[in-house]
């Protein structure tokens, strides 16, 4: 499940839990694209909680989104609590033109600060 949060600040936040499916992306992407268009967000914090990866359809949608919006993000900070979360960040990072960094859960404040710099 993905929950989109508009912060009204410099970046948007996605709270991600469990295994992501095609349907999760079908619900999220239109809202995310609208927020990007309306507010010009170019930075994103992805908070992974009990992340279990993707279904095949979910992974395909993730990679499609990443490629389609390759140049739309300056920075993406991923905060997670497992090696799977860190691996998922490494898997998707090459599909973005901007900077993508993984932060362990105990460094979540540092991730937010990194998004606000520059």
PDB file of N, CA and C in Angstrom:
ATOM      1  N   UNK A   1       0.844  -1.166   0.000  1.00  0.00           N
ATOM      2  CA  UNK A   1       0.000   0.000   0.000  1.00  0.00           C
ATOM      3  C   UNK A   1       0.899   1.241   0.000  1.00  0.00           C
ATOM      4  N   UNK A   2       0.474   2.260  -0.755  1.00  0.00           N
ATOM      5  CA  UNK A   2       1.197   3.525  -0.818  1.00  0.00           C
ATOM      6  C   UNK A   2       0.246   4.641  -0.413  1.00  0.00           C
ATOM      7  N   UNK A   3       0.680   5.447   0.552  1.00  0.00           N
ATOM      8  CA  UNK A   3      -0.101   6.609   0.973  1.00  0.00           C
ATOM      9  C   UNK A   3       0.685   7.851   0.599  1.00  0.00           C
ATOM     10  N   UNK A   4       0.057   8.712  -0.194  1.00  0.00           N
ATOM     11  CA  UNK A   4       0.677   9.957  -0.640  1.00  0.00           C
ATOM     12  C   UNK A   4       0.318  11.072   0.320  1.00  0.00           C
ATOM     13  N   UNK A   5       1.337  11.818   0.762  1.00  0.00           N
ATOM     14  CA  UNK A   5       1.111  12.942   1.673  1.00  0.00           C
ATOM     15  C   UNK A   5       1.688  14.203   1.051  1.00  0.00           C
ATOM     16  N   UNK A   6       0.853  15.191   0.914  1.00  0.00           N
ATOM     17  CA  UNK A   6       1.293  16.509   0.447  1.00  0.00           C
ATOM     18  C   UNK A   6       1.738  17.289   1.671  1.00  0.00           C
ATOM     19  N   UNK A   7       2.987  17.686   1.715  1.00  0.00           N
ATOM     20  CA  UNK A   7       3.509  18.346   2.910  1.00  0.00           C
ATOM     21  C   UNK A   7       3.354  19.857   2.866  1.00  0.00           C
ATOM     22  N   UNK A   8       3.137  20.409   1.675  1.00  0.00           N
ATOM     23  CA  UNK A   8       3.070  21.857   1.552  1.00  0.00           C
ATOM     24  C   UNK A   8       4.445  22.488   1.643  1.00  0.00           C
ATOM     25  N   UNK A   9       5.467  21.672   1.751  1.00  0.00           N
ATOM     26  CA  UNK A   9       6.834  22.176   1.857  1.00  0.00           C
ATOM     27  C   UNK A   9       7.626  21.919   0.594  1.00  0.00           C
ATOM     28  N   UNK A  10       8.874  21.596   0.798  1.00  0.00           N
ATOM     29  CA  UNK A  10       9.797  21.429  -0.322  1.00  0.00           C
ATOM     30  C   UNK A  10       9.683  20.074  -1.012  1.00  0.00           C
ATOM     31  N   UNK A  11       9.004  19.145  -0.374  1.00  0.00           N
ATOM     32  CA  UNK A  11       8.960  17.797  -0.940  1.00  0.00           C
ATOM     33  C   UNK A  11       7.635  17.104  -0.612  1.00  0.00           C
ATOM     34  N   UNK A  12       7.407  16.006  -1.320  1.00  0.00           N
ATOM     35  CA  UNK A  12       6.240  15.177  -1.033  1.00  0.00           C
ATOM     36  C   UNK A  12       6.707  13.922  -0.308  1.00  0.00           C
ATOM     37  N   UNK A  13       5.765  13.242   0.347  1.00  0.00           N
ATOM     38  CA  UNK A  13       6.086  12.047   1.128  1.00  0.00           C
ATOM     39  C   UNK A  13       5.210  10.897   0.673  1.00  0.00           C
ATOM     40  N   UNK A  14       5.835   9.735   0.492  1.00  0.00           N
ATOM     41  CA  UNK A  14       5.118   8.506   0.199  1.00  0.00           C
ATOM     42  C   UNK A  14       5.399   7.524   1.329  1.00  0.00           C
ATOM     43  N   UNK A  15       4.348   7.071   2.002  1.00  0.00           N
ATOM     44  CA  UNK A  15       4.469   6.024   3.018  1.00  0.00           C
ATOM     45  C   UNK A  15       4.118   4.701   2.354  1.00  0.00           C
ATOM     46  N   UNK A  16       5.053   3.777   2.388  1.00  0.00           N
ATOM     47  CA  UNK A  16       4.893   2.506   1.682  1.00  0.00           C
ATOM     48  C   UNK A  16       4.935   1.362   2.687  1.00  0.00           C
ATOM     49  N   UNK A  17       3.947   0.472   2.581  1.00  0.00           N
ATOM     50  CA  UNK A  17       3.859  -0.678   3.472  1.00  0.00           C
ATOM     51  C   UNK A  17       3.541  -1.929   2.664  1.00  0.00           C
ATOM     52  N   UNK A  18       4.177  -3.040   3.025  1.00  0.00           N
ATOM     53  CA  UNK A  18       3.841  -4.324   2.426  1.00  0.00           C
ATOM     54  C   UNK A  18       4.402  -4.524   1.032  1.00  0.00           C
ATOM     55  N   UNK A  19       3.697  -5.322   0.232  1.00  0.00           N
ATOM     56  CA  UNK A  19       4.094  -5.653  -1.138  1.00  0.00           C
ATOM     57  C   UNK A  19       3.292  -4.775  -2.087  1.00  0.00           C
ATOM     58  N   UNK A  20       3.986  -4.096  -2.998  1.00  0.00           N
ATOM     59  CA  UNK A  20       3.337  -3.166  -3.905  1.00  0.00           C
ATOM     60  C   UNK A  20       2.846  -3.870  -5.168  1.00  0.00           C
ATOM     61  N   UNK A  21       1.618  -3.540  -5.554  1.00  0.00           N
ATOM     62  CA  UNK A  21       0.988  -4.167  -6.718  1.00  0.00           C
ATOM     63  C   UNK A  21       0.733  -3.138  -7.816  1.00  0.00           C
ATOM     64  N   UNK A  22       0.351  -3.623  -8.963  1.00  0.00           N
ATOM     65  CA  UNK A  22      -0.031  -2.762 -10.082  1.00  0.00           C
ATOM     66  C   UNK A  22      -1.144  -1.819  -9.661  1.00  0.00           C
ATOM     67  N   UNK A  23      -2.095  -2.331  -8.915  1.00  0.00           N
ATOM     68  CA  UNK A  23      -3.231  -1.524  -8.469  1.00  0.00           C
ATOM     69  C   UNK A  23      -2.799  -0.370  -7.565  1.00  0.00           C
ATOM     70  N   UNK A  24      -1.786  -0.598  -6.742  1.00  0.00           N
ATOM     71  CA  UNK A  24      -1.266   0.485  -5.897  1.00  0.00           C
ATOM     72  C   UNK A  24      -0.797   1.656  -6.762  1.00  0.00           C
ATOM     73  N   UNK A  25      -0.081   1.337  -7.830  1.00  0.00           N
ATOM     74  CA  UNK A  25       0.430   2.377  -8.719  1.00  0.00           C
ATOM     75  C   UNK A  25      -0.684   3.032  -9.528  1.00  0.00           C
ATOM     76  N   UNK A  26      -1.680   2.261  -9.917  1.00  0.00           N
ATOM     77  CA  UNK A  26      -2.798   2.835 -10.667  1.00  0.00           C
ATOM     78  C   UNK A  26      -3.550   3.873  -9.846  1.00  0.00           C
ATOM     79  N   UNK A  27      -3.595   3.684  -8.537  1.00  0.00           N
ATOM     80  CA  UNK A  27      -4.243   4.649  -7.653  1.00  0.00           C
ATOM     81  C   UNK A  27      -3.335   5.847  -7.373  1.00  0.00           C
ATOM     82  N   UNK A  28      -2.049   5.590  -7.199  1.00  0.00           N
ATOM     83  CA  UNK A  28      -1.119   6.629  -6.792  1.00  0.00           C
ATOM     84  C   UNK A  28      -0.684   7.558  -7.917  1.00  0.00           C
ATOM     85  N   UNK A  29      -0.296   7.019  -9.037  1.00  0.00           N
ATOM     86  CA  UNK A  29       0.374   7.800 -10.076  1.00  0.00           C
ATOM     87  C   UNK A  29      -0.419   9.026 -10.522  1.00  0.00           C
ATOM     88  N   UNK A  30      -1.717   8.941 -10.796  1.00  0.00           N
ATOM     89  CA  UNK A  30      -2.428  10.170 -11.196  1.00  0.00           C
ATOM     90  C   UNK A  30      -2.368  11.266 -10.131  1.00  0.00           C
ATOM     91  N   UNK A  31      -2.495  10.909  -8.870  1.00  0.00           N
ATOM     92  CA  UNK A  31      -2.415  11.904  -7.783  1.00  0.00           C
ATOM     93  C   UNK A  31      -1.015  12.506  -7.685  1.00  0.00           C
ATOM     94  N   UNK A  32      -0.024  11.658  -7.821  1.00  0.00           N
ATOM     95  CA  UNK A  32       1.363  12.101  -7.743  1.00  0.00           C
ATOM     96  C   UNK A  32       1.698  13.036  -8.898  1.00  0.00           C
ATOM     97  N   UNK A  33       1.302  12.663 -10.099  1.00  0.00           N
ATOM     98  CA  UNK A  33       1.572  13.491 -11.270  1.00  0.00           C
ATOM     99  C   UNK A  33       0.842  14.828 -11.177  1.00  0.00           C
ATOM    100  N   UNK A  34      -0.369  14.836 -10.648  1.00  0.00           N
ATOM    101  CA  UNK A  34      -1.118  16.076 -10.481  1.00  0.00           C
ATOM    102  C   UNK A  34      -0.399  16.994  -9.493  1.00  0.00           C
ATOM    103  N   UNK A  35       0.059  16.440  -8.371  1.00  0.00           N
ATOM    104  CA  UNK A  35       0.779  17.238  -7.374  1.00  0.00           C
ATOM    105  C   UNK A  35       2.077  17.790  -7.958  1.00  0.00           C
ATOM    106  N   UNK A  36       2.764  16.992  -8.746  1.00  0.00           N
ATOM    107  CA  UNK A  36       4.008  17.452  -9.366  1.00  0.00           C
ATOM    108  C   UNK A  36       3.720  18.610 -10.317  1.00  0.00           C
ATOM    109  N   UNK A  37       2.652  18.499 -11.074  1.00  0.00           N
ATOM    110  CA  UNK A  37       2.279  19.542 -12.027  1.00  0.00           C
ATOM    111  C   UNK A  37       1.841  20.819 -11.307  1.00  0.00           C
ATOM    112  N   UNK A  38       1.022  20.676 -10.283  1.00  0.00           N
ATOM    113  CA  UNK A  38       0.478  21.840  -9.582  1.00  0.00           C
ATOM    114  C   UNK A  38       1.490  22.548  -8.689  1.00  0.00           C
ATOM    115  N   UNK A  39       2.345  21.770  -8.024  1.00  0.00           N
ATOM    116  CA  UNK A  39       3.233  22.348  -7.022  1.00  0.00           C
ATOM    117  C   UNK A  39       4.707  22.326  -7.415  1.00  0.00           C
ATOM    118  N   UNK A  40       5.006  21.690  -8.522  1.00  0.00           N
ATOM    119  CA  UNK A  40       6.387  21.657  -8.984  1.00  0.00           C
ATOM    120  C   UNK A  40       7.338  20.860  -8.106  1.00  0.00           C
ATOM    121  N   UNK A  41       6.785  19.943  -7.317  1.00  0.00           N
ATOM    122  CA  UNK A  41       7.655  19.139  -6.455  1.00  0.00           C
ATOM    123  C   UNK A  41       8.675  18.391  -7.301  1.00  0.00           C
ATOM    124  N   UNK A  42       9.904  18.482  -6.876  1.00  0.00           N
ATOM    125  CA  UNK A  42      10.969  17.766  -7.563  1.00  0.00           C
ATOM    126  C   UNK A  42      11.783  16.924  -6.574  1.00  0.00           C
ATOM    127  N   UNK A  43      11.244  16.831  -5.349  1.00  0.00           N
ATOM    128  CA  UNK A  43      11.920  16.043  -4.319  1.00  0.00           C
ATOM    129  C   UNK A  43      10.885  15.185  -3.602  1.00  0.00           C
ATOM    130  N   UNK A  44      11.327  13.999  -3.169  1.00  0.00           N
ATOM    131  CA  UNK A  44      10.379  13.054  -2.582  1.00  0.00           C
ATOM    132  C   UNK A  44      11.053  12.256  -1.472  1.00  0.00           C
ATOM    133  N   UNK A  45      10.322  12.069  -0.384  1.00  0.00           N
ATOM    134  CA  UNK A  45      10.735  11.189   0.699  1.00  0.00           C
ATOM    135  C   UNK A  45       9.867   9.948   0.624  1.00  0.00           C
ATOM    136  N   UNK A  46      10.493   8.798   0.502  1.00  0.00           N
ATOM    137  CA  UNK A  46       9.775   7.524   0.475  1.00  0.00           C
ATOM    138  C   UNK A  46      10.104   6.793   1.771  1.00  0.00           C
ATOM    139  N   UNK A  47       9.098   6.625   2.610  1.00  0.00           N
ATOM    140  CA  UNK A  47       9.271   5.954   3.902  1.00  0.00           C
ATOM    141  C   UNK A  47       8.736   4.531   3.779  1.00  0.00           C
ATOM    142  N   UNK A  48       9.619   3.551   3.882  1.00  0.00           N
ATOM    143  CA  UNK A  48       9.255   2.144   3.744  1.00  0.00           C
ATOM    144  C   UNK A  48       9.078   1.524   5.129  1.00  0.00           C
ATOM    145  N   UNK A  49       7.889   0.965   5.371  1.00  0.00           N
ATOM    146  CA  UNK A  49       7.575   0.309   6.637  1.00  0.00           C
ATOM    147  C   UNK A  49       7.134  -1.120   6.333  1.00  0.00           C
ATOM    148  N   UNK A  50       7.815  -2.092   6.878  1.00  0.00           N
ATOM    149  CA  UNK A  50       7.480  -3.493   6.615  1.00  0.00           C
ATOM    150  C   UNK A  50       7.393  -3.764   5.114  1.00  0.00           C
ATOM    151  N   UNK A  51       8.321  -3.190   4.359  1.00  0.00           N
ATOM    152  CA  UNK A  51       8.344  -3.323   2.901  1.00  0.00           C
ATOM    153  C   UNK A  51       8.658  -4.760   2.515  1.00  0.00           C
ATOM    154  N   UNK A  52       7.845  -5.322   1.613  1.00  0.00           N
ATOM    155  CA  UNK A  52       8.004  -6.709   1.177  1.00  0.00           C
ATOM    156  C   UNK A  52       8.318  -6.828  -0.305  1.00  0.00           C
ATOM    157  N   UNK A  53       8.593  -5.711  -0.966  1.00  0.00           N
ATOM    158  CA  UNK A  53       8.913  -5.754  -2.391  1.00  0.00           C
ATOM    159  C   UNK A  53       7.684  -5.514  -3.253  1.00  0.00           C
ATOM    160  N   UNK A  54       7.721  -6.073  -4.459  1.00  0.00           N
ATOM    161  CA  UNK A  54       6.666  -5.845  -5.440  1.00  0.00           C
ATOM    162  C   UNK A  54       6.117  -7.156  -5.979  1.00  0.00           C
ATOM    163  N   UNK A  55       4.870  -7.110  -6.429  1.00  0.00           N
ATOM    164  CA  UNK A  55       4.381  -8.171  -7.299  1.00  0.00           C
ATOM    165  C   UNK A  55       5.047  -7.903  -8.649  1.00  0.00           C
ATOM    166  N   UNK A  56       4.951  -8.822  -9.588  1.00  0.00           N
ATOM    167  CA  UNK A  56       5.545  -8.583 -10.911  1.00  0.00           C
ATOM    168  C   UNK A  56       4.912  -7.362 -11.571  1.00  0.00           C
ATOM    169  N   UNK A  57       3.590  -7.244 -11.477  1.00  0.00           N
ATOM    170  CA  UNK A  57       2.903  -6.093 -12.049  1.00  0.00           C
ATOM    171  C   UNK A  57       3.292  -4.798 -11.352  1.00  0.00           C
ATOM    172  N   UNK A  58       3.507  -4.860 -10.053  1.00  0.00           N
ATOM    173  CA  UNK A  58       3.929  -3.684  -9.300  1.00  0.00           C
ATOM    174  C   UNK A  58       5.323  -3.228  -9.680  1.00  0.00           C
ATOM    175  N   UNK A  59       6.246  -4.181  -9.847  1.00  0.00           N
ATOM    176  CA  UNK A  59       7.609  -3.837 -10.249  1.00  0.00           C
ATOM    177  C   UNK A  59       7.610  -3.205 -11.634  1.00  0.00           C
ATOM    178  N   UNK A  60       6.829  -3.766 -12.541  1.00  0.00           N
ATOM    179  CA  UNK A  60       6.732  -3.201 -13.886  1.00  0.00           C
ATOM    180  C   UNK A  60       6.228  -1.758 -13.830  1.00  0.00           C
ATOM    181  N   UNK A  61       5.197  -1.490 -13.018  1.00  0.00           N
ATOM    182  CA  UNK A  61       4.665  -0.132 -12.891  1.00  0.00           C
ATOM    183  C   UNK A  61       5.687   0.803 -12.246  1.00  0.00           C
ATOM    184  N   UNK A  62       6.433   0.315 -11.274  1.00  0.00           N
ATOM    185  CA  UNK A  62       7.490   1.111 -10.633  1.00  0.00           C
ATOM    186  C   UNK A  62       8.523   1.547 -11.661  1.00  0.00           C
ATOM    187  N   UNK A  63       9.011   0.601 -12.445  1.00  0.00           N
ATOM    188  CA  UNK A  63      10.039   0.917 -13.425  1.00  0.00           C
ATOM    189  C   UNK A  63       9.507   1.834 -14.529  1.00  0.00           C
ATOM    190  N   UNK A  64       8.265   1.641 -14.941  1.00  0.00           N
ATOM    191  CA  UNK A  64       7.647   2.533 -15.938  1.00  0.00           C
ATOM    192  C   UNK A  64       7.571   3.960 -15.411  1.00  0.00           C
ATOM    193  N   UNK A  65       7.121   4.105 -14.162  1.00  0.00           N
ATOM    194  CA  UNK A  65       7.039   5.431 -13.561  1.00  0.00           C
ATOM    195  C   UNK A  65       8.427   6.062 -13.482  1.00  0.00           C
ATOM    196  N   UNK A  66       9.396   5.291 -13.003  1.00  0.00           N
ATOM    197  CA  UNK A  66      10.750   5.812 -12.851  1.00  0.00           C
ATOM    198  C   UNK A  66      11.310   6.290 -14.188  1.00  0.00           C
ATOM    199  N   UNK A  67      11.114   5.528 -15.235  1.00  0.00           N
ATOM    200  CA  UNK A  67      11.616   5.919 -16.553  1.00  0.00           C
ATOM    201  C   UNK A  67      10.870   7.132 -17.107  1.00  0.00           C
ATOM    202  N   UNK A  68       9.564   7.152 -16.953  1.00  0.00           N
ATOM    203  CA  UNK A  68       8.749   8.255 -17.470  1.00  0.00           C
ATOM    204  C   UNK A  68       9.085   9.568 -16.755  1.00  0.00           C
ATOM    205  N   UNK A  69       9.437   9.484 -15.497  1.00  0.00           N
ATOM    206  CA  UNK A  69       9.726  10.685 -14.710  1.00  0.00           C
ATOM    207  C   UNK A  69      11.206  10.789 -14.346  1.00  0.00           C
ATOM    208  N   UNK A  70      12.031  10.192 -15.142  1.00  0.00           N
ATOM    209  CA  UNK A  70      13.475  10.128 -14.917  1.00  0.00           C
ATOM    210  C   UNK A  70      14.090  11.491 -14.575  1.00  0.00           C
ATOM    211  N   UNK A  71      13.666  12.522 -15.281  1.00  0.00           N
ATOM    212  CA  UNK A  71      14.273  13.847 -15.111  1.00  0.00           C
ATOM    213  C   UNK A  71      13.427  14.784 -14.263  1.00  0.00           C
ATOM    214  N   UNK A  72      12.365  14.276 -13.673  1.00  0.00           N
ATOM    215  CA  UNK A  72      11.443  15.124 -12.923  1.00  0.00           C
ATOM    216  C   UNK A  72      11.797  15.282 -11.450  1.00  0.00           C
ATOM    217  N   UNK A  73      12.742  14.507 -10.961  1.00  0.00           N
ATOM    218  CA  UNK A  73      13.106  14.572  -9.550  1.00  0.00           C
ATOM    219  C   UNK A  73      14.576  14.952  -9.398  1.00  0.00           C
ATOM    220  N   UNK A  74      14.829  15.960  -8.552  1.00  0.00           N
ATOM    221  CA  UNK A  74      16.206  16.339  -8.232  1.00  0.00           C
ATOM    222  C   UNK A  74      16.795  15.390  -7.193  1.00  0.00           C
ATOM    223  N   UNK A  75      15.938  15.069  -6.191  1.00  0.00           N
ATOM    224  CA  UNK A  75      16.399  14.213  -5.101  1.00  0.00           C
ATOM    225  C   UNK A  75      15.267  13.318  -4.623  1.00  0.00           C
ATOM    226  N   UNK A  76      15.636  12.076  -4.320  1.00  0.00           N
ATOM    227  CA  UNK A  76      14.703  11.127  -3.723  1.00  0.00           C
ATOM    228  C   UNK A  76      15.424  10.492  -2.537  1.00  0.00           C
ATOM    229  N   UNK A  77      14.835  10.633  -1.355  1.00  0.00           N
ATOM    230  CA  UNK A  77      15.378  10.012  -0.148  1.00  0.00           C
ATOM    231  C   UNK A  77      14.480   8.839   0.216  1.00  0.00           C
ATOM    232  N   UNK A  78      15.091   7.692   0.413  1.00  0.00           N
ATOM    233  CA  UNK A  78      14.351   6.492   0.798  1.00  0.00           C
ATOM    234  C   UNK A  78      14.769   6.120   2.212  1.00  0.00           C
ATOM    235  N   UNK A  79      13.791   6.032   3.107  1.00  0.00           N
ATOM    236  CA  UNK A  79      14.050   5.653   4.495  1.00  0.00           C
ATOM    237  C   UNK A  79      13.454   4.267   4.713  1.00  0.00           C
ATOM    238  N   UNK A  80      14.284   3.349   5.183  1.00  0.00           N
ATOM    239  CA  UNK A  80      13.804   1.987   5.367  1.00  0.00           C
ATOM    240  C   UNK A  80      14.426   1.310   6.561  1.00  0.00           C
ATOM    241  N   UNK A  81      13.922   0.126   6.826  1.00  0.00           N
ATOM    242  CA  UNK A  81      14.342  -0.599   8.026  1.00  0.00           C
ATOM    243  C   UNK A  81      14.933  -1.971   7.733  1.00  0.00           C
ATOM    244  N   UNK A  82      15.184  -2.268   6.439  1.00  0.00           N
ATOM    245  CA  UNK A  82      15.689  -3.603   6.122  1.00  0.00           C
ATOM    246  C   UNK A  82      16.666  -3.556   4.952  1.00  0.00           C
ATOM    247  N   UNK A  83      17.381  -4.642   4.779  1.00  0.00           N
ATOM    248  CA  UNK A  83      18.283  -4.784   3.634  1.00  0.00           C
ATOM    249  C   UNK A  83      17.481  -4.802   2.328  1.00  0.00           C
ATOM    250  N   UNK A  84      16.258  -5.360   2.356  1.00  0.00           N
ATOM    251  CA  UNK A  84      15.416  -5.359   1.170  1.00  0.00           C
ATOM    252  C   UNK A  84      15.115  -3.921   0.735  1.00  0.00           C
ATOM    253  N   UNK A  85      14.838  -3.046   1.690  1.00  0.00           N
ATOM    254  CA  UNK A  85      14.571  -1.637   1.374  1.00  0.00           C
ATOM    255  C   UNK A  85      15.800  -0.989   0.748  1.00  0.00           C
ATOM    256  N   UNK A  86      16.956  -1.288   1.298  1.00  0.00           N
ATOM    257  CA  UNK A  86      18.198  -0.733   0.746  1.00  0.00           C
ATOM    258  C   UNK A  86      18.450  -1.286  -0.660  1.00  0.00           C
ATOM    259  N   UNK A  87      18.219  -2.569  -0.848  1.00  0.00           N
ATOM    260  CA  UNK A  87      18.392  -3.189  -2.160  1.00  0.00           C
ATOM    261  C   UNK A  87      17.409  -2.597  -3.179  1.00  0.00           C
ATOM    262  N   UNK A  88      16.164  -2.388  -2.772  1.00  0.00           N
ATOM    263  CA  UNK A  88      15.156  -1.813  -3.670  1.00  0.00           C
ATOM    264  C   UNK A  88      15.574  -0.413  -4.113  1.00  0.00           C
ATOM    265  N   UNK A  89      16.173   0.340  -3.206  1.00  0.00           N
ATOM    266  CA  UNK A  89      16.664   1.677  -3.557  1.00  0.00           C
ATOM    267  C   UNK A  89      17.760   1.566  -4.604  1.00  0.00           C
ATOM    268  N   UNK A  90      18.676   0.659  -4.409  1.00  0.00           N
ATOM    269  CA  UNK A  90      19.761   0.467  -5.391  1.00  0.00           C
ATOM    270  C   UNK A  90      19.219  -0.003  -6.739  1.00  0.00           C
ATOM    271  N   UNK A  91      18.173  -0.805  -6.702  1.00  0.00           N
ATOM    272  CA  UNK A  91      17.573  -1.324  -7.939  1.00  0.00           C
ATOM    273  C   UNK A  91      16.960  -0.205  -8.772  1.00  0.00           C
ATOM    274  N   UNK A  92      16.256   0.706  -8.136  1.00  0.00           N
ATOM    275  CA  UNK A  92      15.542   1.745  -8.877  1.00  0.00           C
ATOM    276  C   UNK A  92      16.359   3.014  -9.111  1.00  0.00           C
ATOM    277  N   UNK A  93      17.408   3.261  -8.345  1.00  0.00           N
ATOM    278  CA  UNK A  93      18.193   4.495  -8.457  1.00  0.00           C
ATOM    279  C   UNK A  93      18.708   4.780  -9.867  1.00  0.00           C
ATOM    280  N   UNK A  94      19.203   3.783 -10.610  1.00  0.00           N
ATOM    281  CA  UNK A  94      19.723   4.086 -11.946  1.00  0.00           C
ATOM    282  C   UNK A  94      18.662   4.597 -12.936  1.00  0.00           C
ATOM    283  N   UNK A  95      17.400   4.434 -12.602  1.00  0.00           N
ATOM    284  CA  UNK A  95      16.342   4.881 -13.494  1.00  0.00           C
ATOM    285  C   UNK A  95      16.001   6.356 -13.310  1.00  0.00           C
ATOM    286  N   UNK A  96      16.592   7.003 -12.310  1.00  0.00           N
ATOM    287  CA  UNK A  96      16.352   8.418 -12.054  1.00  0.00           C
ATOM    288  C   UNK A  96      17.546   9.242 -12.506  1.00  0.00           C
ATOM    289  N   UNK A  97      17.275  10.433 -13.026  1.00  0.00           N
ATOM    290  CA  UNK A  97      18.342  11.342 -13.420  1.00  0.00           C
ATOM    291  C   UNK A  97      18.912  12.107 -12.235  1.00  0.00           C
ATOM    292  N   UNK A  98      18.133  12.247 -11.164  1.00  0.00           N
ATOM    293  CA  UNK A  98      18.578  12.980  -9.976  1.00  0.00           C
ATOM    294  C   UNK A  98      19.244  12.059  -8.978  1.00  0.00           C
ATOM    295  N   UNK A  99      19.520  12.612  -7.807  1.00  0.00           N
ATOM    296  CA  UNK A  99      20.168  11.855  -6.738  1.00  0.00           C
ATOM    297  C   UNK A  99      19.150  11.023  -5.973  1.00  0.00           C
ATOM    298  N   UNK A 100      19.527   9.796  -5.677  1.00  0.00           N
ATOM    299  CA  UNK A 100      18.696   8.903  -4.868  1.00  0.00           C
ATOM    300  C   UNK A 100      19.586   8.350  -3.758  1.00  0.00           C
ATOM    301  N   UNK A 101      19.119   8.487  -2.516  1.00  0.00           N
ATOM    302  CA  UNK A 101      19.906   7.986  -1.382  1.00  0.00           C
ATOM    303  C   UNK A 101      19.022   7.197  -0.436  1.00  0.00           C
ATOM    304  N   UNK A 102      19.617   6.150   0.122  1.00  0.00           N
ATOM    305  CA  UNK A 102      18.953   5.341   1.139  1.00  0.00           C
ATOM    306  C   UNK A 102      19.433   5.784   2.518  1.00  0.00           C
ATOM    307  N   UNK A 103      18.490   5.863   3.460  1.00  0.00           N
ATOM    308  CA  UNK A 103      18.794   6.199   4.850  1.00  0.00           C
ATOM    309  C   UNK A 103      18.152   5.150   5.741  1.00  0.00           C
ATOM    310  N   UNK A 104      18.907   4.573   6.673  1.00  0.00           N
ATOM    311  CA  UNK A 104      18.287   3.664   7.642  1.00  0.00           C
ATOM    312  C   UNK A 104      17.276   4.429   8.499  1.00  0.00           C
ATOM    313  N   UNK A 105      16.320   3.735   9.036  1.00  0.00           N
ATOM    314  CA  UNK A 105      15.239   4.333   9.825  1.00  0.00           C
ATOM    315  C   UNK A 105      15.756   5.290  10.912  1.00  0.00           C
ATOM    316  N   UNK A 106      16.827   4.922  11.568  1.00  0.00           N
ATOM    317  CA  UNK A 106      17.334   5.766  12.649  1.00  0.00           C
ATOM    318  C   UNK A 106      17.934   7.084  12.145  1.00  0.00           C
ATOM    319  N   UNK A 107      18.080   7.231  10.820  1.00  0.00           N
ATOM    320  CA  UNK A 107      18.600   8.475  10.238  1.00  0.00           C
ATOM    321  C   UNK A 107      17.520   9.194   9.411  1.00  0.00           C
ATOM    322  N   UNK A 108      16.262   8.993   9.753  1.00  0.00           N
ATOM    323  CA  UNK A 108      15.153   9.602   9.002  1.00  0.00           C
ATOM    324  C   UNK A 108      15.227  11.130   9.010  1.00  0.00           C
ATOM    325  N   UNK A 109      15.612  11.722  10.111  1.00  0.00           N
ATOM    326  CA  UNK A 109      15.714  13.181  10.180  1.00  0.00           C
ATOM    327  C   UNK A 109      16.778  13.693   9.209  1.00  0.00           C
ATOM    328  N   UNK A 110      17.847  12.937   9.062  1.00  0.00           N
ATOM    329  CA  UNK A 110      18.911  13.310   8.123  1.00  0.00           C
ATOM    330  C   UNK A 110      18.390  13.262   6.674  1.00  0.00           C
ATOM    331  N   UNK A 111      17.514  12.312   6.378  1.00  0.00           N
ATOM    332  CA  UNK A 111      16.937  12.208   5.034  1.00  0.00           C
ATOM    333  C   UNK A 111      16.114  13.456   4.714  1.00  0.00           C
ATOM    334  N   UNK A 112      15.306  13.896   5.666  1.00  0.00           N
ATOM    335  CA  UNK A 112      14.493  15.099   5.474  1.00  0.00           C
ATOM    336  C   UNK A 112      15.382  16.321   5.284  1.00  0.00           C
ATOM    337  N   UNK A 113      16.425  16.406   6.075  1.00  0.00           N
ATOM    338  CA  UNK A 113      17.347  17.531   5.966  1.00  0.00           C
ATOM    339  C   UNK A 113      18.032  17.526   4.598  1.00  0.00           C
ATOM    340  N   UNK A 114      18.457  16.360   4.123  1.00  0.00           N
ATOM    341  CA  UNK A 114      19.114  16.227   2.824  1.00  0.00           C
ATOM    342  C   UNK A 114      18.193  16.702   1.695  1.00  0.00           C
ATOM    343  N   UNK A 115      16.906  16.420   1.808  1.00  0.00           N
ATOM    344  CA  UNK A 115      15.962  16.855   0.779  1.00  0.00           C
ATOM    345  C   UNK A 115      15.834  18.373   0.750  1.00  0.00           C
ATOM    346  N   UNK A 116      15.997  19.025   1.877  1.00  0.00           N
ATOM    347  CA  UNK A 116      15.777  20.466   1.960  1.00  0.00           C
ATOM    348  C   UNK A 116      17.011  21.279   1.587  1.00  0.00           C
ATOM    349  N   UNK A 117      18.174  20.642   1.499  1.00  0.00           N
ATOM    350  CA  UNK A 117      19.416  21.348   1.175  1.00  0.00           C
ATOM    351  C   UNK A 117      19.472  21.614  -0.310  1.00  0.00           C
ATOM    352  N   UNK A 118      20.031  22.757  -0.654  1.00  0.00           N
ATOM    353  CA  UNK A 118      20.264  23.089  -2.065  1.00  0.00           C
ATOM    354  C   UNK A 118      19.053  23.432  -2.750  1.00  0.00           C
TER     355      UNK A 118
END
